[in-house]
Amino acid sequence: MVSIVVDYFFKATHFKHLVLLLHYLLKSVKLGVGTAQEINPLFMKLQFIKNIQFTRLVKADGRLREFNFRKINSGTEGLFTVDVSDDRGNRIIFNMEKNEGHWSIVTQVLLPDWITNNVLKFEELIEEELKNN
């Protein structure tokens, strides 16, 4: 088994990983362990979570405004952070959450009407982006 692992690491040219693995194996032999269950933690499963962020121009309150969407990769599956600049250049940040198949604004502050009136447009943009990714 050790020769198979060593051959793999030499072919992949991961010397740092090889040294760590050999160190662990030698330490295991000294301690009298080395079963598959004890060596298995070295080969952890890596999980990659794709970041989704996009910008769309939406006509709101008679002006074309740039809305930035970013998916939050935490425990909840359907949660986006959205930010946009108001007329004075201040950033307005709010969350959109998917409940019962529809996206809704989740915030504790009062948002301008030009944002709340475009919830359906935001929902459409988010769903379109999720289909493409």
Foldseek 3Di string as FASTA:
>chain_A
DLVVVVVVCVVVVPVVLVVVLVVVCVVCVVVVHDDCVVSVVSDDDDDDDDKDKDWDWDQFPNDTWIKIWTDDPDPADFKIWIWTADPVRDIDIWMWGDDPRAIDTDDDDDDDPRVRVCRVVVRVVVVVRVVVD
